[in-house]
Amino acid sequence: MNCLRSVLLASGTLLATNSLAADVKIVSWNIAASPYEKVLARASDYKKMADTLSPDLIVMIELTGLADLKAIADAIGWPTYYATVSDGQVQGDEIHASLEVGVLSKIPITSVIEFDPKPEGHTHQVFTNAKPDGDSSIPMKEMPLKGIDMMGLAATDRGTLRVDLANGLTLFAVHLKSNSNDACFAADDAIKGLKKLGLPPVPALQSILDNGSDVKAKADKDNAFKRERVIAATKTVADEAVADGRTVLIAGDWNTSFEPGKFGQSFDDCQLAAFSCARAPFPVSACTGDGFDDTFAIMTVPLSGSEKWTMLTKDLGRTFKDTDFADKAIDHMTAPAAQAASFAAPKVAPDTFGSDHFPIFTVWTAP
């Protein structure tokens, strides 16, 4: 009887190991921040995405709270899941002030770290179908994302997640600074305001939209600098995960692309000239020399840390719905160079499923 019991236990362990070692499809998707009522109304979008792509793991960007993640998990309807979200702020009227990241997984989550620029004690335990209020047996802690506090610029209050899974995979979910440019918004709003009042347009305002300005160019460089500092800080902790023997993938909305003239290979940035508020394509002549956005080079050269990473999405096409942007991805995945071959070349989903971003996906084959 003892022998039979040993055989049964060994068989069960082998089956569990094989299920965790199987190919894993990973989707990264900016779902588009929405008021909670609209999140609920989009239940069919989330279900259709899951049915179409058949993911095992979903990295979600622009969640506005824990309730969003729970609603999406319910809509997808997996028999068993594990889910976690960064910060989980209470959604306010200004939804873009609380954009967070989350992970929904069929594979058991074993631990979570939220790296927050401003730790506030808002962490929520990993929750599952069985424990929708959180499973306290799964370790979860909040830590500062070191380095970005010395930026000299306002730090994003978006969280970054490290999610360890039972199959040896570690995911870092990120959302880097957007290219939103206050100078362009201000000029455009002022022109619209004048039109509403029946007043003639001011040439100087139109010139900012058409030709840019030094203020706009500075804002573009500041945005790039914010992305660089956050990804450098994330790389530091991701390198540590690699050193611990984990297979690591960083995924999310990076808000920057491999547009010629824009991305650089060193911190010796070009002197960025003023250029139009039009979103794309980036005018190469505005940046003579090395590009001004070194977000990718921080990973690949590397300009920070010792581990060299591969941008799996370098050759990926457009991932943002708006065709005014260049035909380049702004949603990305990256893995350590030594592990990159275990991830299939990412692809773009055929639909946005109600978002303004297309999901992207890869398949990880465990060694």
Protein backbone atom coordinates (compact mmCIF):
# COMPACT_ATOMS: atom_id res chain seq x y z
CA MET A 1 0.00 0.00 0.00
CA ASN A 2 2.86 2.39 0.84
CA CYS A 3 4.43 1.70 -2.54
CA LEU A 4 1.15 2.39 -4.33
CA ARG A 5 0.73 5.63 -2.37
CA SER A 6 4.25 6.71 -3.32
CA VAL A 7 3.56 6.01 -6.99
CA LEU A 8 0.32 8.00 -6.89
CA LEU A 9 2.00 10.95 -5.17
CA ALA A 10 4.86 10.89 -7.65
CA SER A 11 2.42 10.77 -10.57
CA GLY A 12 0.45 13.70 -9.19
CA THR A 13 3.62 15.75 -8.77
CA LEU A 14 4.70 14.93 -12.32
CA LEU A 15 1.34 15.98 -13.74
CA ALA A 16 1.45 19.26 -11.83
CA THR A 17 5.01 19.92 -13.00
CA ASN A 18 4.12 19.17 -16.61
CA SER A 19 1.11 21.51 -16.50
CA LEU A 20 3.32 24.34 -15.23
CA ALA A 21 6.05 23.59 -17.77
CA ALA A 22 3.69 23.73 -20.78
CA ASP A 23 3.83 26.58 -23.30
CA VAL A 24 2.42 29.74 -21.80
CA LYS A 25 0.69 32.41 -23.91
CA ILE A 26 1.17 35.90 -22.48
CA VAL A 27 -0.96 38.85 -23.56
CA SER A 28 -0.14 42.49 -22.78
CA TRP A 29 -3.00 44.92 -23.31
CA ASN A 30 -3.77 48.54 -22.50
CA ILE A 31 -7.49 48.19 -21.91
CA ALA A 32 -8.14 51.99 -22.05
CA ALA A 33 -9.04 53.70 -18.80
CA SER A 34 -12.78 54.12 -18.37
CA PRO A 35 -15.29 54.99 -15.65
CA TYR A 36 -16.26 51.84 -13.80
CA GLU A 37 -19.70 51.72 -15.40
CA LYS A 38 -18.07 51.57 -18.84
CA VAL A 39 -15.75 48.80 -17.66
CA LEU A 40 -18.83 46.77 -16.73
CA ALA A 41 -20.46 47.58 -20.07
CA ARG A 42 -17.43 46.17 -21.91
CA ALA A 43 -17.71 42.68 -20.43
CA SER A 44 -18.18 41.18 -23.90
CA ASP A 45 -14.94 42.83 -25.09
CA TYR A 46 -12.87 41.12 -22.42
CA LYS A 47 -14.55 37.76 -23.05
CA LYS A 48 -14.04 38.08 -26.79
CA MET A 49 -10.36 38.93 -26.33
CA ALA A 50 -9.82 35.88 -24.12
CA ASP A 51 -11.75 33.61 -26.49
CA THR A 52 -9.86 34.94 -29.53
CA LEU A 53 -6.32 34.86 -28.12
CA SER A 54 -6.64 32.05 -25.54
CA PRO A 55 -4.09 33.54 -23.12
CA ASP A 56 -2.75 31.92 -19.98
CA LEU A 57 -1.58 35.26 -18.57
CA ILE A 58 -2.85 38.78 -19.20
CA VAL A 59 -0.88 41.92 -18.31
CA MET A 60 -3.42 44.76 -18.19
CA ILE A 61 -2.62 48.46 -18.36
CA GLU A 62 -4.82 51.45 -17.41
CA LEU A 63 -6.83 49.75 -14.73
CA THR A 64 -8.31 52.37 -12.44
CA GLY A 65 -8.70 50.20 -9.39
CA LEU A 66 -9.25 46.78 -7.91
CA ALA A 67 -12.91 46.77 -8.93
CA ASP A 68 -11.89 46.99 -12.61
CA LEU A 69 -9.72 43.90 -12.34
CA LYS A 70 -12.43 41.92 -10.54
CA ALA A 71 -15.02 42.86 -13.17
CA ILE A 72 -12.69 41.83 -16.00
CA ALA A 73 -11.83 38.52 -14.31
CA ASP A 74 -15.54 37.80 -13.88
CA ALA A 75 -16.23 38.68 -17.53
CA ILE A 76 -13.50 36.38 -18.85
CA GLY A 77 -14.80 33.58 -16.66
CA TRP A 78 -11.79 31.29 -16.25
CA PRO A 79 -12.60 28.31 -13.97
CA THR A 80 -9.50 29.09 -11.91
CA TYR A 81 -7.52 32.32 -11.83
CA TYR A 82 -5.16 34.44 -9.75
CA ALA A 83 -5.17 38.23 -10.04
CA THR A 84 -3.29 41.21 -8.66
CA VAL A 85 -3.29 44.97 -9.23
CA SER A 86 -0.92 47.79 -8.34
CA ASP A 87 -2.01 50.33 -5.74
CA GLY A 88 -5.71 49.89 -6.35
CA GLN A 89 -6.68 53.50 -5.74
CA VAL A 90 -10.33 54.41 -5.37
CA GLN A 91 -11.46 55.69 -8.74
CA GLY A 92 -12.13 59.40 -8.81
CA ASP A 93 -13.61 61.73 -11.37
CA GLU A 94 -10.20 62.18 -13.03
CA ILE A 95 -9.60 58.58 -14.06
CA HIS A 96 -6.27 59.32 -15.74
CA ALA A 97 -4.87 60.31 -12.35
CA SER A 98 -5.02 56.71 -11.15
CA LEU A 99 -3.82 54.49 -13.97
CA GLU A 100 -2.57 51.16 -12.65
CA VAL A 101 -1.36 47.80 -13.93
CA GLY A 102 -2.61 44.32 -13.16
CA VAL A 103 -2.02 40.65 -13.95
CA LEU A 104 -4.66 37.96 -14.45
CA SER A 105 -3.24 34.42 -14.56
CA LYS A 106 -4.35 30.82 -14.90
CA ILE A 107 -1.00 29.86 -13.34
CA PRO A 108 -0.73 30.24 -9.56
CA ILE A 109 0.84 33.48 -8.37
CA THR A 110 3.33 32.76 -5.57
CA SER A 111 4.28 36.33 -4.58
CA VAL A 112 3.85 39.97 -5.63
CA ILE A 113 5.87 43.14 -5.09
CA GLU A 114 4.41 46.52 -5.97
CA PHE A 115 7.16 49.01 -6.68
CA ASP A 116 5.56 52.38 -6.04
CA PRO A 117 7.28 55.78 -6.28
CA LYS A 118 5.16 56.89 -3.35
CA PRO A 119 4.31 53.89 -1.14
CA GLU A 120 0.93 54.56 0.43
CA GLY A 121 -0.12 51.21 1.84
CA HIS A 122 -2.85 50.68 -0.75
CA THR A 123 -1.79 47.15 -1.69
CA HIS A 124 -4.45 44.48 -2.15
CA GLN A 125 -3.84 40.78 -1.62
CA VAL A 126 -3.85 38.48 -4.62
CA PHE A 127 -7.40 37.29 -5.16
CA THR A 128 -8.81 34.18 -6.81
CA ASN A 129 -12.18 32.70 -7.68
CA ALA A 130 -12.17 30.99 -4.28
CA LYS A 131 -11.04 34.08 -2.34
CA PRO A 132 -12.38 37.23 -4.04
CA ASP A 133 -11.42 39.36 -1.03
CA GLY A 134 -7.78 38.30 -1.17
CA ASP A 135 -5.60 35.34 -0.24
CA SER A 136 -3.38 36.31 2.68
CA SER A 137 -1.27 33.17 2.19
CA ILE A 138 0.30 34.66 -0.97
CA PRO A 139 3.05 37.12 0.04
CA MET A 140 2.53 40.67 -1.22
CA LYS A 141 4.46 43.77 -0.26
CA GLU A 142 4.93 47.36 -1.35
CA MET A 143 8.38 48.84 -1.95
CA PRO A 144 9.68 52.15 -3.32
CA LEU A 145 10.96 52.17 -6.89
CA LYS A 146 14.41 53.49 -6.10
CA GLY A 147 16.02 56.08 -8.33
CA ILE A 148 13.09 57.98 -9.75
CA ASP A 149 12.84 60.13 -6.61
CA MET A 150 15.97 61.92 -7.85
CA MET A 151 14.56 62.79 -11.25
CA GLY A 152 14.16 66.48 -10.62
CA LEU A 153 10.78 66.02 -12.32
CA ALA A 154 7.40 64.94 -11.01
CA ALA A 155 7.38 61.18 -10.54
CA THR A 156 4.55 59.18 -12.01
CA ASP A 157 2.38 57.68 -9.31
CA ARG A 158 1.69 54.57 -11.41
CA GLY A 159 2.71 51.35 -9.75
CA THR A 160 5.01 48.71 -11.28
CA LEU A 161 4.36 45.07 -10.41
CA ARG A 162 6.69 42.12 -9.97
CA VAL A 163 4.59 38.96 -10.16
CA ASP A 164 6.24 35.60 -9.48
CA LEU A 165 4.46 32.53 -10.86
CA ALA A 166 4.65 28.90 -9.80
CA ASN A 167 6.21 27.85 -13.12
CA GLY A 168 9.38 29.92 -12.59
CA LEU A 169 8.27 32.88 -14.71
CA THR A 170 8.38 36.43 -13.33
CA LEU A 171 6.41 39.23 -14.96
CA PHE A 172 7.05 42.94 -14.53
CA ALA A 173 4.01 45.00 -15.57
CA VAL A 174 4.87 48.61 -16.51
CA HIS A 175 3.19 51.77 -17.77
CA LEU A 176 5.69 54.45 -18.77
CA LYS A 177 5.10 58.18 -19.18
CA SER A 178 3.01 59.22 -22.15
CA ASN A 179 3.97 61.76 -24.81
CA SER A 180 1.23 64.16 -23.69
CA ASN A 181 2.48 67.65 -24.41
CA ASP A 182 0.98 70.51 -22.41
CA ALA A 183 2.23 73.13 -24.88
CA CYS A 184 0.27 71.52 -27.72
CA PHE A 185 -2.83 71.02 -25.58
CA ALA A 186 -2.73 74.64 -24.39
CA ALA A 187 -2.37 76.06 -27.90
CA ASP A 188 -5.14 73.83 -29.27
CA ASP A 189 -7.52 74.67 -26.40
CA ALA A 190 -6.83 78.40 -26.79
CA ILE A 191 -7.59 78.29 -30.52
CA LYS A 192 -10.84 76.41 -29.90
CA GLY A 193 -11.78 78.89 -27.18
CA LEU A 194 -11.26 81.84 -29.52
CA LYS A 195 -13.41 80.17 -32.18
CA LYS A 196 -16.23 79.67 -29.69
CA LEU A 197 -16.07 83.36 -28.86
CA GLY A 198 -16.13 84.27 -32.55
CA LEU A 199 -12.66 85.81 -32.31
CA PRO A 200 -9.96 85.50 -34.97
CA PRO A 201 -7.18 82.95 -34.35
CA VAL A 202 -3.87 84.21 -32.99
CA PRO A 203 -1.07 83.38 -35.48
CA ALA A 204 1.38 82.58 -32.68
CA LEU A 205 -0.90 79.85 -31.34
CA GLN A 206 -1.34 78.24 -34.76
CA SER A 207 2.42 78.41 -35.26
CA ILE A 208 2.94 76.29 -32.13
CA LEU A 209 0.66 73.58 -33.57
CA ASP A 210 2.26 73.73 -37.01
CA ASN A 211 5.90 74.27 -36.11
CA GLY A 212 6.26 73.50 -32.42
CA SER A 213 8.14 75.63 -29.92
CA ASP A 214 11.08 75.45 -27.55
CA VAL A 215 8.62 74.85 -24.68
CA LYS A 216 7.15 71.87 -26.54
CA ALA A 217 10.59 70.46 -27.37
CA LYS A 218 11.57 70.64 -23.70
CA ALA A 219 8.36 68.82 -22.72
CA ASP A 220 9.14 66.06 -25.24
CA LYS A 221 12.59 65.59 -23.73
CA ASP A 222 11.19 65.69 -20.19
CA ASN A 223 8.70 62.94 -21.07
CA ALA A 224 11.51 60.80 -22.49
CA PHE A 225 13.56 61.43 -19.35
CA LYS A 226 10.68 60.24 -17.15
CA ARG A 227 10.41 57.03 -19.18
CA GLU A 228 14.16 56.48 -18.98
CA ARG A 229 14.34 56.87 -15.22
CA VAL A 230 11.37 54.58 -14.53
CA ILE A 231 12.59 51.82 -16.86
CA ALA A 232 16.12 52.10 -15.43
CA ALA A 233 14.74 51.69 -11.92
CA THR A 234 12.59 48.77 -13.08
CA LYS A 235 15.58 47.17 -14.81
CA THR A 236 17.52 47.23 -11.52
CA VAL A 237 14.95 45.06 -9.75
CA ALA A 238 14.35 42.93 -12.87
CA ASP A 239 18.09 42.21 -13.09
CA GLU A 240 17.90 41.00 -9.50
CA ALA A 241 15.11 38.59 -10.44
CA VAL A 242 17.28 37.22 -13.27
CA ALA A 243 20.18 36.79 -10.86
CA ASP A 244 17.83 34.80 -8.62
CA GLY A 245 17.36 32.30 -11.44
CA ARG A 246 13.92 33.46 -12.60
CA THR A 247 12.82 33.68 -16.24
CA VAL A 248 11.77 37.31 -16.58
CA LEU A 249 9.55 39.29 -18.96
CA ILE A 250 8.83 43.02 -18.74
CA ALA A 251 5.63 43.94 -20.56
CA GLY A 252 3.24 46.85 -20.85
CA ASP A 253 2.62 50.24 -22.44
CA TRP A 254 5.98 51.97 -22.93
CA ASN A 255 4.56 54.99 -24.81
CA THR A 256 7.57 55.18 -27.10
CA SER A 257 8.54 53.54 -30.36
CA PHE A 258 11.48 52.65 -32.57
CA GLU A 259 10.94 55.70 -34.78
CA PRO A 260 14.14 56.65 -36.62
CA GLY A 261 15.72 59.76 -35.15
CA LYS A 262 13.81 59.43 -31.89
CA PHE A 263 15.33 56.46 -30.08
CA GLY A 264 18.97 56.71 -29.08
CA GLN A 265 21.87 54.48 -28.10
CA SER A 266 23.60 56.68 -25.53
CA PHE A 267 22.81 59.36 -22.99
CA ASP A 268 24.49 61.93 -25.26
CA ASP A 269 21.16 63.20 -26.57
CA CYS A 270 20.77 65.43 -29.56
CA GLN A 271 19.71 69.05 -29.16
CA LEU A 272 16.05 68.57 -29.99
CA ALA A 273 14.70 71.22 -32.35
CA ALA A 274 11.09 72.43 -32.31
CA PHE A 275 8.76 70.32 -34.42
CA SER A 276 5.06 70.09 -35.18
CA CYS A 277 2.42 68.94 -32.73
CA ALA A 278 1.32 66.43 -35.36
CA ARG A 279 1.78 63.02 -33.80
CA ALA A 280 3.65 61.24 -36.58
CA PRO A 281 5.90 60.62 -38.26
CA PHE A 282 8.71 62.00 -36.13
CA PRO A 283 10.81 64.41 -38.25
CA VAL A 284 14.32 62.93 -38.20
CA SER A 285 15.81 66.35 -38.96
CA ALA A 286 14.62 67.61 -35.55
CA CYS A 287 17.21 65.43 -33.81
CA THR A 288 20.58 65.37 -35.55
CA GLY A 289 22.86 62.80 -33.96
CA ASP A 290 21.87 60.29 -31.30
CA GLY A 291 18.16 60.21 -30.50
CA PHE A 292 16.68 61.87 -27.45
CA ASP A 293 14.77 58.86 -26.04
CA ASP A 294 17.07 56.18 -24.61
CA THR A 295 14.36 54.04 -23.01
CA PHE A 296 15.19 50.99 -25.15
CA ALA A 297 18.97 51.44 -24.96
CA ILE A 298 18.81 51.32 -21.17
CA MET A 299 17.72 47.70 -21.63
CA THR A 300 19.65 46.61 -24.70
CA VAL A 301 23.08 48.30 -24.63
CA PRO A 302 22.67 48.30 -21.60
CA LEU A 303 22.98 51.89 -20.42
CA SER A 304 22.02 50.82 -16.90
CA GLY A 305 22.88 47.70 -14.91
CA SER A 306 24.84 44.70 -16.10
CA GLU A 307 22.19 42.44 -17.67
CA LYS A 308 21.70 42.83 -21.41
CA TRP A 309 18.08 42.57 -22.55
CA THR A 310 16.43 42.04 -25.94
CA MET A 311 13.46 44.11 -27.09
CA LEU A 312 11.25 41.33 -28.45
CA THR A 313 8.91 43.89 -30.03
CA LYS A 314 11.49 45.93 -31.96
CA ASP A 315 10.06 44.97 -35.36
CA LEU A 316 6.43 44.95 -34.30
CA GLY A 317 3.97 47.14 -36.18
CA ARG A 318 1.44 49.64 -34.85
CA THR A 319 -0.19 48.77 -31.52
CA PHE A 320 -2.12 52.03 -31.01
CA LYS A 321 -5.45 52.40 -32.79
CA ASP A 322 -4.87 56.02 -33.84
CA THR A 323 -3.32 55.96 -37.32
CA ASP A 324 -1.83 59.43 -36.75
CA PHE A 325 0.99 57.69 -34.88
CA ALA A 326 3.82 56.10 -36.79
CA ASP A 327 3.39 52.49 -37.84
CA LYS A 328 5.46 51.34 -34.87
CA ALA A 329 4.62 49.62 -31.60
CA ILE A 330 4.35 51.57 -28.35
CA ASP A 331 3.41 48.45 -26.38
CA HIS A 332 6.45 46.29 -25.74
CA MET A 333 7.91 43.14 -24.27
CA THR A 334 11.53 42.60 -23.31
CA ALA A 335 13.47 39.65 -21.90
CA PRO A 336 17.09 39.06 -20.86
CA ALA A 337 19.17 38.33 -23.97
CA ALA A 338 20.09 34.89 -22.63
CA GLN A 339 16.40 34.01 -22.23
CA ALA A 340 14.96 35.73 -25.31
CA ALA A 341 14.96 32.58 -27.46
CA SER A 342 12.42 30.96 -25.12
CA PHE A 343 9.84 33.60 -26.12
CA ALA A 344 8.16 33.49 -29.54
CA ALA A 345 8.26 36.66 -31.63
CA PRO A 346 5.36 38.82 -30.36
CA LYS A 347 2.37 39.46 -32.57
CA VAL A 348 -0.37 42.08 -32.65
CA ALA A 349 -3.95 40.93 -32.10
CA PRO A 350 -6.41 41.42 -34.99
CA ASP A 351 -8.74 43.64 -32.95
CA THR A 352 -8.61 46.29 -30.20
CA PHE A 353 -11.61 44.72 -28.42
CA GLY A 354 -13.03 48.13 -27.55
CA SER A 355 -9.73 49.70 -26.45
CA ASP A 356 -7.49 52.26 -28.17
CA HIS A 357 -4.62 49.74 -28.09
CA PHE A 358 -4.28 46.36 -29.77
CA PRO A 359 -3.25 43.55 -27.44
CA ILE A 360 0.14 42.02 -28.17
CA PHE A 361 1.09 38.44 -27.30
CA THR A 362 3.96 35.99 -27.12
CA VAL A 363 4.37 32.33 -26.14
CA TRP A 364 6.94 31.27 -23.59
CA THR A 365 8.32 27.76 -23.89
CA ALA A 366 9.74 26.63 -20.59
CA PRO A 367 13.15 24.92 -20.75
